Each structure stands twice: as C-alpha cells, then as structure tokens.
Amino acid sequence: MLLVGTKVQVVAADYFYAYCDGWRGVVTGLNSGAVEVKCQRPDGEKTLYVPAAQLSPIK
C-alpha cells in the first residue's frame, strides 16, 4: 500500500511511462485511480499520475 509521503520510484511496465522510468518522487495523493507522485527534476517539479503497479517504494 502506498501512503501519502511514501518515497517511490517509477518502474515502467509499458511504453506509455517509459519516459519517466527510474524517476523518484513522493506520493501526494490519488487521482482517478492513479497515484499522484511529485518528482523534483533539474528543470523543476513534475507531477505524474501513475498506476500503483508501476511504482516501487524506496527507502
């Protein structure tokens, strides 16, 4: 279960999320069945909506 505040890494299982494979971020909520993840990138903060099955918790 991914709770708000959990640190996660995107593990893309298909082509659609391949561009953000390996990105790390923090769970900030749920939106229409997808997990909302905020990722800090060199070009600014990015918000992704990713299926829970394509996220892996990290320490």
N, C-alpha and C. Protein backbone atom coordinates (compact mmCIF):
# COMPACT_ATOMS: atom_id res chain seq x y z
N MET A 1 0.83 -1.17 0.00
CA MET A 1 0.00 0.00 0.00
C MET A 1 0.89 1.24 0.00
N LEU A 2 0.56 2.17 -0.86
CA LEU A 2 1.33 3.41 -0.96
C LEU A 2 0.58 4.53 -0.26
N LEU A 3 1.12 5.00 0.83
CA LEU A 3 0.50 6.07 1.60
C LEU A 3 1.11 7.41 1.20
N VAL A 4 0.37 8.48 1.45
CA VAL A 4 0.88 9.82 1.20
C VAL A 4 2.18 9.99 1.99
N GLY A 5 3.20 10.52 1.31
CA GLY A 5 4.50 10.71 1.93
C GLY A 5 5.50 9.60 1.63
N THR A 6 5.02 8.48 1.04
CA THR A 6 5.91 7.36 0.71
C THR A 6 6.81 7.76 -0.45
N LYS A 7 8.10 7.48 -0.32
CA LYS A 7 9.05 7.72 -1.41
C LYS A 7 8.95 6.53 -2.37
N VAL A 8 8.86 6.82 -3.67
CA VAL A 8 8.69 5.77 -4.68
C VAL A 8 9.59 6.02 -5.88
N GLN A 9 9.76 4.95 -6.66
CA GLN A 9 10.47 5.03 -7.94
C GLN A 9 9.54 4.47 -9.00
N VAL A 10 9.48 5.13 -10.15
CA VAL A 10 8.67 4.66 -11.26
C VAL A 10 9.38 3.48 -11.92
N VAL A 11 8.66 2.38 -12.07
CA VAL A 11 9.18 1.18 -12.74
C VAL A 11 8.23 0.91 -13.91
N ALA A 12 8.53 1.50 -15.05
CA ALA A 12 7.63 1.44 -16.19
C ALA A 12 7.46 0.02 -16.71
N ALA A 13 6.20 -0.37 -16.87
CA ALA A 13 5.89 -1.70 -17.39
C ALA A 13 5.42 -1.63 -18.84
N ASP A 14 5.29 -0.43 -19.36
CA ASP A 14 4.84 -0.29 -20.75
C ASP A 14 5.46 0.98 -21.36
N TYR A 15 5.21 1.16 -22.63
CA TYR A 15 5.80 2.27 -23.38
C TYR A 15 5.31 3.62 -22.88
N PHE A 16 4.06 3.71 -22.43
CA PHE A 16 3.47 4.98 -22.05
C PHE A 16 4.27 5.68 -20.94
N TYR A 17 4.77 4.93 -19.96
CA TYR A 17 5.52 5.51 -18.84
C TYR A 17 7.03 5.36 -18.99
N ALA A 18 7.50 4.92 -20.14
CA ALA A 18 8.93 4.69 -20.35
C ALA A 18 9.75 5.97 -20.20
N TYR A 19 9.19 7.13 -20.55
CA TYR A 19 9.95 8.39 -20.46
C TYR A 19 10.32 8.74 -19.01
N CYS A 20 9.54 8.25 -18.04
CA CYS A 20 9.83 8.59 -16.65
C CYS A 20 10.30 7.38 -15.85
N ASP A 21 10.71 6.31 -16.53
CA ASP A 21 11.22 5.12 -15.85
C ASP A 21 12.45 5.49 -15.02
N GLY A 22 12.43 5.14 -13.75
CA GLY A 22 13.55 5.43 -12.87
C GLY A 22 13.41 6.72 -12.09
N TRP A 23 12.44 7.57 -12.44
CA TRP A 23 12.25 8.81 -11.70
C TRP A 23 11.85 8.48 -10.27
N ARG A 24 12.30 9.29 -9.32
CA ARG A 24 11.96 9.12 -7.92
C ARG A 24 11.13 10.30 -7.46
N GLY A 25 10.19 10.02 -6.58
CA GLY A 25 9.34 11.09 -6.08
C GLY A 25 8.64 10.68 -4.81
N VAL A 26 7.66 11.48 -4.43
CA VAL A 26 6.90 11.28 -3.20
C VAL A 26 5.42 11.22 -3.55
N VAL A 27 4.71 10.25 -2.97
CA VAL A 27 3.27 10.12 -3.17
C VAL A 27 2.59 11.28 -2.47
N THR A 28 1.72 11.99 -3.23
CA THR A 28 1.00 13.13 -2.66
C THR A 28 -0.51 12.91 -2.66
N GLY A 29 -0.98 11.82 -3.25
CA GLY A 29 -2.41 11.55 -3.24
C GLY A 29 -2.83 10.58 -4.32
N LEU A 30 -4.14 10.49 -4.50
CA LEU A 30 -4.74 9.66 -5.55
C LEU A 30 -5.58 10.54 -6.44
N ASN A 31 -5.64 10.20 -7.73
CA ASN A 31 -6.44 10.96 -8.67
C ASN A 31 -6.98 10.01 -9.73
N SER A 32 -8.28 9.80 -9.74
CA SER A 32 -8.95 8.94 -10.73
C SER A 32 -8.34 7.55 -10.79
N GLY A 33 -7.96 7.00 -9.65
CA GLY A 33 -7.42 5.65 -9.59
C GLY A 33 -5.92 5.56 -9.79
N ALA A 34 -5.27 6.66 -10.14
CA ALA A 34 -3.82 6.67 -10.30
C ALA A 34 -3.19 7.33 -9.07
N VAL A 35 -1.95 7.00 -8.82
CA VAL A 35 -1.22 7.58 -7.70
C VAL A 35 -0.55 8.87 -8.18
N GLU A 36 -0.75 9.94 -7.44
CA GLU A 36 -0.13 11.22 -7.77
C GLU A 36 1.25 11.26 -7.13
N VAL A 37 2.28 11.47 -7.96
CA VAL A 37 3.67 11.48 -7.50
C VAL A 37 4.32 12.80 -7.90
N LYS A 38 4.94 13.47 -6.94
CA LYS A 38 5.68 14.70 -7.23
C LYS A 38 7.16 14.35 -7.29
N CYS A 39 7.79 14.71 -8.41
CA CYS A 39 9.21 14.42 -8.64
C CYS A 39 9.97 15.73 -8.80
N GLN A 40 11.08 15.87 -8.09
CA GLN A 40 11.95 17.02 -8.26
C GLN A 40 12.95 16.71 -9.37
N ARG A 41 12.93 17.51 -10.41
CA ARG A 41 13.81 17.33 -11.56
C ARG A 41 14.67 18.58 -11.73
N PRO A 42 15.78 18.48 -12.47
CA PRO A 42 16.62 19.66 -12.69
C PRO A 42 15.86 20.83 -13.34
N ASP A 43 14.83 20.51 -14.12
CA ASP A 43 14.06 21.56 -14.80
C ASP A 43 12.77 21.91 -14.06
N GLY A 44 12.67 21.51 -12.80
CA GLY A 44 11.51 21.88 -11.99
C GLY A 44 10.76 20.67 -11.47
N GLU A 45 9.76 20.94 -10.66
CA GLU A 45 8.95 19.86 -10.09
C GLU A 45 7.96 19.34 -11.12
N LYS A 46 7.84 18.04 -11.20
CA LYS A 46 6.91 17.38 -12.14
C LYS A 46 5.90 16.58 -11.33
N THR A 47 4.65 16.62 -11.74
CA THR A 47 3.60 15.81 -11.13
C THR A 47 3.20 14.73 -12.12
N LEU A 48 3.28 13.48 -11.68
CA LEU A 48 2.92 12.34 -12.52
C LEU A 48 1.73 11.62 -11.91
N TYR A 49 0.90 11.04 -12.77
CA TYR A 49 -0.22 10.21 -12.33
C TYR A 49 0.06 8.81 -12.88
N VAL A 50 0.46 7.91 -11.99
CA VAL A 50 0.99 6.61 -12.39
C VAL A 50 0.18 5.50 -11.71
N PRO A 51 -0.12 4.39 -12.43
CA PRO A 51 -0.77 3.26 -11.77
C PRO A 51 0.12 2.72 -10.65
N ALA A 52 -0.50 2.32 -9.55
CA ALA A 52 0.25 1.82 -8.39
C ALA A 52 1.14 0.65 -8.74
N ALA A 53 0.74 -0.16 -9.71
CA ALA A 53 1.52 -1.34 -10.11
C ALA A 53 2.86 -0.94 -10.74
N GLN A 54 3.00 0.30 -11.17
CA GLN A 54 4.24 0.74 -11.81
C GLN A 54 5.08 1.63 -10.89
N LEU A 55 4.84 1.49 -9.57
CA LEU A 55 5.62 2.22 -8.58
C LEU A 55 6.23 1.23 -7.60
N SER A 56 7.45 1.54 -7.18
CA SER A 56 8.14 0.70 -6.21
C SER A 56 8.57 1.57 -5.04
N PRO A 57 8.18 1.21 -3.81
CA PRO A 57 8.61 2.01 -2.65
C PRO A 57 10.12 1.94 -2.49
N ILE A 58 10.72 3.05 -2.06
CA ILE A 58 12.16 3.11 -1.80
C ILE A 58 12.37 3.66 -0.40
N LYS A 59 13.58 3.44 0.13
CA LYS A 59 13.89 3.94 1.47
C LYS A 59 14.53 5.29 1.41
